[in-house]
């Protein structure tokens, strides 16, 4: 009889970090049947033990979810992508300046430094796509009122650059930061704005020969709001109307679309072209995806910050579909 498989403490933490529902999405996509148990970590362990899931597959699932799931993503454009054409030169420069070595595996997990500084995890270049992954250890704080103290808990955050070396399209994928980290604002306190800015600036330092700008999402947001009810369902929309005033429309159901509200339709009919869509929250509709999506894909699109957000459990295939539709629409308008 074979010895029962035991998960290491690190693997158990990784599974807990990405979450059961997210891992279940990955298993469903890969047609892996989970066992049953009252404890979901035990369920995963038994599935590995049965041979239906390998430890390597589980590690890849965690890495894929780390890089695609529950992210805010800044969209940018390289003005001079030709600088990336000499792949060998680019990799030599990264290694010389930043001691970054290209790996042969697409999905890699790694442990961030205990001091909270950015830790390089992996560089993978396949075809046109260059991917660079970092992680950080950050912290959250919870009040323990009974014992009059605060408890600090660790949080790992992942940062991934995805760069199309031909078109120059850039994604900066960030986990939301913890309450406490090394990126300080003007007041000396941990700041999400400083965290975002640090990793935008790091990209410029990693690839100093590139000229990078934010992607303009003005036309995209207006186009989605006005034209694609069969493709993208809007649950909440924020628009700038006359005199820089803001108007918000929202529905109480994720299956409803604000554009079906009579109040929205009436206002839209009278906007005289002065509306500017600022923020859209909704779903790319699975039935309109030609089989690319197994379920509707949540996405928040923010015009001003050239940023999108996706929920926990988002897989690479799903994120690629949503971003692919954005690029397709951008090229049409």
Protein backbone atom coordinates (compact mmCIF):
# COMPACT_ATOMS: atom_id res chain seq x y z
CA UNK A 1 0.00 0.00 0.00
CA UNK A 2 1.42 3.39 -0.99
CA UNK A 3 2.10 6.00 1.64
CA UNK A 4 -0.61 8.72 1.87
CA UNK A 5 0.39 12.01 0.25
CA UNK A 6 0.87 14.92 2.64
CA UNK A 7 0.75 18.55 1.55
CA UNK A 8 3.63 20.70 2.73
CA UNK A 9 2.85 23.78 4.79
CA UNK A 10 3.83 25.96 1.84
CA UNK A 11 1.55 24.12 -0.60
CA UNK A 12 -1.36 24.29 1.85
CA UNK A 13 -0.81 28.05 2.20
CA UNK A 14 -0.69 28.46 -1.58
CA UNK A 15 -3.95 26.54 -1.99
CA UNK A 16 -5.63 28.61 0.71
CA UNK A 17 -4.38 31.84 -0.87
CA UNK A 18 -5.92 31.19 -4.27
CA UNK A 19 -9.07 29.63 -2.76
CA UNK A 20 -11.23 26.59 -3.34
CA UNK A 21 -13.67 28.16 -5.81
CA UNK A 22 -10.79 29.39 -8.00
CA UNK A 23 -9.09 26.00 -7.97
CA UNK A 24 -12.42 24.37 -8.78
CA UNK A 25 -12.70 26.59 -11.88
CA UNK A 26 -9.26 25.42 -12.98
CA UNK A 27 -10.18 21.77 -12.37
CA UNK A 28 -13.41 22.12 -14.34
CA UNK A 29 -11.56 23.71 -17.27
CA UNK A 30 -9.10 20.81 -17.29
CA UNK A 31 -11.84 18.19 -16.77
CA UNK A 32 -10.37 16.94 -13.50
CA UNK A 33 -12.93 15.42 -11.18
CA UNK A 34 -12.50 16.36 -7.52
CA UNK A 35 -13.01 13.85 -4.76
CA UNK A 36 -15.27 14.58 -1.81
CA UNK A 37 -14.49 15.49 1.79
CA UNK A 38 -15.77 17.84 4.48
CA UNK A 39 -12.46 19.72 4.27
CA UNK A 40 -11.57 21.11 0.84
CA UNK A 41 -7.80 20.82 1.35
CA UNK A 42 -8.38 17.19 2.19
CA UNK A 43 -10.46 16.92 -0.99
CA UNK A 44 -7.51 18.21 -3.03
CA UNK A 45 -5.12 15.88 -1.24
CA UNK A 46 -7.32 12.86 -1.94
CA UNK A 47 -7.65 13.88 -5.59
CA UNK A 48 -3.85 13.93 -5.86
CA UNK A 49 -3.61 10.63 -4.00
CA UNK A 50 -6.08 9.05 -6.43
CA UNK A 51 -3.90 9.99 -9.39
CA UNK A 52 -6.55 12.21 -10.99
CA UNK A 53 -4.44 15.29 -10.20
CA UNK A 54 -0.64 15.49 -9.96
CA UNK A 55 1.28 17.78 -7.65
CA UNK A 56 2.83 19.42 -10.73
CA UNK A 57 -0.66 20.15 -12.09
CA UNK A 58 -1.72 21.61 -8.75
CA UNK A 59 1.38 23.83 -8.71
CA UNK A 60 0.61 25.01 -12.26
CA UNK A 61 -3.00 25.74 -11.28
CA UNK A 62 -1.83 27.91 -8.38
CA UNK A 63 0.62 29.79 -10.61
CA UNK A 64 -1.98 30.36 -13.34
CA UNK A 65 -4.48 31.73 -10.82
CA UNK A 66 -1.75 33.84 -9.19
CA UNK A 67 -1.07 35.50 -12.54
CA UNK A 68 -4.57 35.90 -13.99
CA UNK A 69 -7.07 35.89 -11.13
CA UNK A 70 -8.32 38.74 -8.92
CA UNK A 71 -6.22 41.39 -10.63
CA UNK A 72 -6.27 45.04 -11.48
CA UNK A 73 -4.57 45.40 -14.83
CA UNK A 74 -3.10 48.58 -16.28
CA UNK A 75 -3.14 48.57 -20.07
CA UNK A 76 -0.30 50.35 -21.85
CA UNK A 77 1.29 50.68 -25.26
CA UNK A 78 4.96 50.69 -26.27
CA UNK A 79 5.61 53.38 -28.86
CA UNK A 80 8.79 51.73 -30.16
CA UNK A 81 8.22 47.94 -29.94
CA UNK A 82 10.97 47.37 -32.49
CA UNK A 83 13.41 47.63 -29.57
CA UNK A 84 12.15 44.18 -28.48
CA UNK A 85 12.89 42.50 -31.81
CA UNK A 86 16.36 41.33 -30.76
CA UNK A 87 15.25 38.83 -28.12
CA UNK A 88 18.80 37.79 -27.21
CA UNK A 89 19.87 41.40 -26.63
CA UNK A 90 16.83 42.10 -24.43
CA UNK A 91 17.44 39.01 -22.29
CA UNK A 92 21.15 39.81 -21.96
CA UNK A 93 20.28 43.34 -20.84
CA UNK A 94 17.81 42.09 -18.22
CA UNK A 95 20.38 39.63 -16.91
CA UNK A 96 23.18 42.22 -16.84
CA UNK A 97 21.19 45.00 -15.14
CA UNK A 98 18.80 43.06 -12.93
CA UNK A 99 20.17 39.50 -12.70
CA UNK A 100 17.04 38.20 -14.39
CA UNK A 101 17.42 34.85 -16.12
CA UNK A 102 14.83 33.47 -18.52
CA UNK A 103 13.17 30.23 -17.46
CA UNK A 104 11.84 27.32 -19.49
CA UNK A 105 8.57 26.90 -17.58
CA UNK A 106 5.47 28.98 -18.19
CA UNK A 107 3.98 28.52 -14.72
CA UNK A 108 6.35 29.01 -11.78
CA UNK A 109 5.67 29.58 -8.09
CA UNK A 110 8.25 31.09 -5.80
CA UNK A 111 8.57 32.49 -2.32
CA UNK A 112 8.88 36.26 -1.89
CA UNK A 113 11.61 37.66 0.32
CA UNK A 114 10.70 37.92 4.00
CA UNK A 115 11.85 41.57 4.05
CA UNK A 116 8.94 42.65 1.82
CA UNK A 117 11.09 43.74 -1.11
CA UNK A 118 10.14 42.75 -4.68
CA UNK A 119 11.31 39.23 -5.47
CA UNK A 120 11.87 38.10 -9.05
CA UNK A 121 10.05 34.80 -9.68
CA UNK A 122 10.12 34.00 -13.38
CA UNK A 123 10.70 35.27 -16.90
CA UNK A 124 9.13 33.33 -19.74
CA UNK A 125 9.24 34.31 -23.41
CA UNK A 126 7.11 32.24 -25.76
CA UNK A 127 6.54 33.37 -29.31
CA UNK A 128 5.66 37.06 -29.23
CA UNK A 129 4.78 37.20 -25.51
CA UNK A 130 7.26 38.18 -22.81
CA UNK A 131 6.11 37.57 -19.22
CA UNK A 132 7.97 38.73 -16.10
CA UNK A 133 6.68 37.79 -12.65
CA UNK A 134 7.47 39.28 -9.23
CA UNK A 135 6.08 38.66 -5.78
CA UNK A 136 6.11 40.60 -2.54
CA UNK A 137 5.36 39.78 1.05
CA UNK A 138 3.00 42.37 2.53
CA UNK A 139 0.86 42.45 5.64
CA UNK A 140 -2.68 43.05 6.84
CA UNK A 141 -3.65 44.11 10.35
CA UNK A 142 -6.58 42.90 12.42
CA UNK A 143 -7.75 44.31 15.74
CA UNK A 144 -7.94 41.93 18.71
CA UNK A 145 -10.11 44.00 21.04
CA UNK A 146 -10.24 41.40 23.84
CA UNK A 147 -6.46 41.46 24.25
CA UNK A 148 -6.01 45.13 23.27
CA UNK A 149 -3.63 44.42 20.41
CA UNK A 150 -3.29 44.27 16.66
CA UNK A 151 -2.44 41.06 14.83
CA UNK A 152 -0.35 41.33 11.68
CA UNK A 153 -0.90 38.65 9.06
CA UNK A 154 1.19 37.97 5.98
CA UNK A 155 -0.15 38.52 2.48
CA UNK A 156 1.64 37.52 -0.69
CA UNK A 157 0.98 39.75 -3.68
CA UNK A 158 1.90 38.93 -7.28
CA UNK A 159 2.92 41.34 -10.00
CA UNK A 160 3.09 40.24 -13.63
CA UNK A 161 4.16 42.10 -16.75
CA UNK A 162 2.82 40.66 -20.01
CA UNK A 163 4.30 42.28 -23.12
CA UNK A 164 3.51 41.59 -26.76
CA UNK A 165 6.92 42.12 -28.34
CA UNK A 166 5.45 42.68 -31.82
CA UNK A 167 2.47 44.98 -31.22
CA UNK A 168 3.88 46.63 -28.08
CA UNK A 169 0.71 45.96 -26.06
CA UNK A 170 1.51 45.82 -22.32
CA UNK A 171 -0.41 44.51 -19.33
CA UNK A 172 0.69 45.28 -15.77
CA UNK A 173 -1.23 42.83 -13.59
CA UNK A 174 -1.28 43.61 -9.86
CA UNK A 175 -2.82 42.00 -6.82
CA UNK A 176 -4.47 44.50 -4.50
CA UNK A 177 -1.90 45.53 -1.87
CA UNK A 178 -2.00 44.68 1.80
CA UNK A 179 -2.57 47.28 4.49
CA UNK A 180 1.18 47.47 5.27
CA UNK A 181 4.00 47.43 2.72
CA UNK A 182 7.15 49.30 1.67
CA UNK A 183 5.49 51.59 -0.88
CA UNK A 184 4.87 54.83 1.00
CA UNK A 185 2.94 57.91 -0.05
CA UNK A 186 3.64 61.54 0.80
CA UNK A 187 2.43 61.01 4.39
CA UNK A 188 4.88 58.17 4.95
CA UNK A 189 2.12 55.57 5.13
CA UNK A 190 1.56 52.56 2.89
CA UNK A 191 -0.15 53.77 -0.27
CA UNK A 192 -1.83 51.87 -3.09
CA UNK A 193 -1.02 54.73 -5.45
CA UNK A 194 2.68 54.47 -4.53
CA UNK A 195 2.52 50.68 -5.00
CA UNK A 196 1.05 51.08 -8.49
CA UNK A 197 3.56 53.76 -9.41
CA UNK A 198 6.51 51.67 -8.18
CA UNK A 199 5.73 48.83 -10.57
CA UNK A 200 4.98 51.14 -13.47
CA UNK A 201 8.37 52.75 -12.88
CA UNK A 202 10.05 49.35 -12.51
CA UNK A 203 8.96 48.45 -16.04
CA UNK A 204 10.77 51.54 -17.32
CA UNK A 205 13.88 50.48 -15.41
CA UNK A 206 13.71 46.88 -16.62
CA UNK A 207 13.37 47.95 -20.26
CA UNK A 208 14.85 51.47 -20.35
CA UNK A 209 14.94 51.75 -24.15
CA UNK A 210 11.15 51.56 -24.44
CA UNK A 211 8.75 54.49 -24.61
CA UNK A 212 5.54 53.45 -22.82
CA UNK A 213 2.23 55.29 -22.50
CA UNK A 214 -1.15 54.45 -21.00
CA UNK A 215 -3.63 52.96 -23.44
CA UNK A 216 -6.44 55.39 -24.27
CA UNK A 217 -9.74 53.73 -23.32
CA UNK A 218 -12.00 56.70 -24.10
CA UNK A 219 -13.45 55.27 -27.28
CA UNK A 220 -13.65 51.73 -25.91
CA UNK A 221 -15.81 52.66 -22.91
CA UNK A 222 -18.22 54.71 -25.00
CA UNK A 223 -18.40 51.98 -27.64
CA UNK A 224 -19.22 49.26 -25.11
CA UNK A 225 -21.85 51.44 -23.45
CA UNK A 226 -23.57 52.17 -26.73
CA UNK A 227 -23.18 49.22 -29.03
CA UNK A 228 -22.58 45.74 -27.64
CA UNK A 229 -25.49 44.59 -25.47
CA UNK A 230 -25.23 41.12 -26.99
CA UNK A 231 -21.54 40.82 -26.02
CA UNK A 232 -21.07 42.80 -22.78
CA UNK A 233 -23.72 43.18 -20.07
CA UNK A 234 -23.41 46.37 -17.97
CA UNK A 235 -24.47 46.15 -14.32
CA UNK A 236 -23.11 49.54 -13.35
CA UNK A 237 -22.05 52.54 -15.38
CA UNK A 238 -20.63 55.92 -14.44
CA UNK A 239 -20.76 58.73 -16.98
CA UNK A 240 -19.65 62.33 -17.09
CA UNK A 241 -22.55 64.43 -18.31
CA UNK A 242 -22.74 68.21 -18.71
CA UNK A 243 -20.57 70.56 -16.64
CA UNK A 244 -18.34 67.65 -15.54
CA UNK A 245 -21.14 66.21 -13.38
CA UNK A 246 -21.22 62.44 -12.82
CA UNK A 247 -24.21 60.14 -13.18
CA UNK A 248 -24.26 56.54 -11.94
CA UNK A 249 -26.65 53.84 -13.09
CA UNK A 250 -26.70 50.41 -11.44
CA UNK A 251 -28.87 47.32 -11.31
CA UNK A 252 -29.65 45.06 -8.40
CA UNK A 253 -29.11 41.88 -10.40
CA UNK A 254 -25.98 40.61 -12.14
CA UNK A 255 -28.25 39.31 -14.92
CA UNK A 256 -29.75 42.75 -15.62
CA UNK A 257 -28.36 45.46 -17.89
CA UNK A 258 -28.60 49.15 -17.02
CA UNK A 259 -29.28 49.96 -20.67
CA UNK A 260 -32.66 48.26 -20.29
CA UNK A 261 -33.69 50.71 -17.55
CA UNK A 262 -36.20 53.23 -18.96
CA UNK A 263 -34.46 56.03 -17.03
CA UNK A 264 -31.11 55.17 -18.66
CA UNK A 265 -32.64 54.90 -22.11
CA UNK A 266 -34.39 58.26 -21.75
CA UNK A 267 -31.26 60.02 -20.55
CA UNK A 268 -29.10 58.40 -23.23
CA UNK A 269 -31.52 59.55 -25.93
CA UNK A 270 -31.07 63.17 -24.79
CA UNK A 271 -27.31 63.18 -24.21
CA UNK A 272 -26.57 64.95 -27.55
CA UNK A 273 -23.16 63.31 -27.72
CA UNK A 274 -21.84 64.95 -24.54
CA UNK A 275 -21.73 61.84 -22.37
CA UNK A 276 -18.34 60.35 -21.64
CA UNK A 277 -18.35 56.87 -20.13
CA UNK A 278 -15.96 56.80 -17.16
CA UNK A 279 -16.42 53.39 -15.63
CA UNK A 280 -18.21 50.18 -16.64
CA UNK A 281 -18.79 47.12 -14.47
CA UNK A 282 -20.28 44.07 -16.09
CA UNK A 283 -19.74 40.75 -17.80
CA UNK A 284 -18.52 39.45 -21.13
CA UNK A 285 -21.35 37.08 -22.04
CA UNK A 286 -20.36 33.43 -22.42
CA UNK A 287 -23.07 32.59 -24.98
CA UNK A 288 -21.63 35.25 -27.30
CA UNK A 289 -18.03 34.04 -26.98
CA UNK A 290 -18.13 31.25 -29.56
CA UNK A 291 -17.28 28.69 -26.87
CA UNK A 292 -14.29 30.63 -25.50
CA UNK A 293 -15.97 31.19 -22.13
CA UNK A 294 -17.60 28.51 -20.00
CA UNK A 295 -19.15 31.19 -17.78
CA UNK A 296 -19.76 34.95 -18.00
CA UNK A 297 -16.54 36.88 -17.36
CA UNK A 298 -16.67 39.76 -14.87
CA UNK A 299 -14.72 42.87 -15.79
CA UNK A 300 -14.57 46.45 -14.59
CA UNK A 301 -13.26 48.93 -17.13
CA UNK A 302 -12.00 52.34 -15.96
CA UNK A 303 -11.38 54.86 -18.72
CA UNK A 304 -9.38 57.45 -16.82
CA UNK A 305 -6.81 55.07 -15.32
CA UNK A 306 -6.58 52.78 -18.39
CA UNK A 307 -7.33 49.94 -16.02
CA UNK A 308 -9.47 46.81 -15.90
CA UNK A 309 -10.28 44.49 -13.00
CA UNK A 310 -11.19 40.82 -12.98
CA UNK A 311 -12.53 38.64 -10.18
CA UNK A 312 -11.05 35.77 -8.25
CA UNK A 313 -10.99 32.53 -10.21
CA UNK A 314 -10.25 34.11 -13.60
CA UNK A 315 -8.25 31.73 -15.78
CA UNK A 316 -5.70 32.61 -18.45
CA UNK A 317 -8.06 31.59 -21.25
CA UNK A 318 -10.84 33.80 -19.86
CA UNK A 319 -8.62 36.82 -19.28
CA UNK A 320 -7.13 36.47 -22.76
CA UNK A 321 -10.64 36.46 -24.21
CA UNK A 322 -11.69 39.64 -22.41
CA UNK A 323 -8.49 41.50 -23.24
CA UNK A 324 -8.65 40.18 -26.79
CA UNK A 325 -12.11 41.72 -27.21
CA UNK A 326 -10.80 45.04 -25.88
CA UNK A 327 -7.97 45.02 -28.41
CA UNK A 328 -10.36 44.01 -31.20
CA UNK A 329 -12.72 46.89 -30.42
CA UNK A 330 -9.83 49.34 -30.03
CA UNK A 331 -8.67 48.45 -33.53
CA UNK A 332 -12.16 49.01 -34.94
CA UNK A 333 -12.88 52.47 -33.53
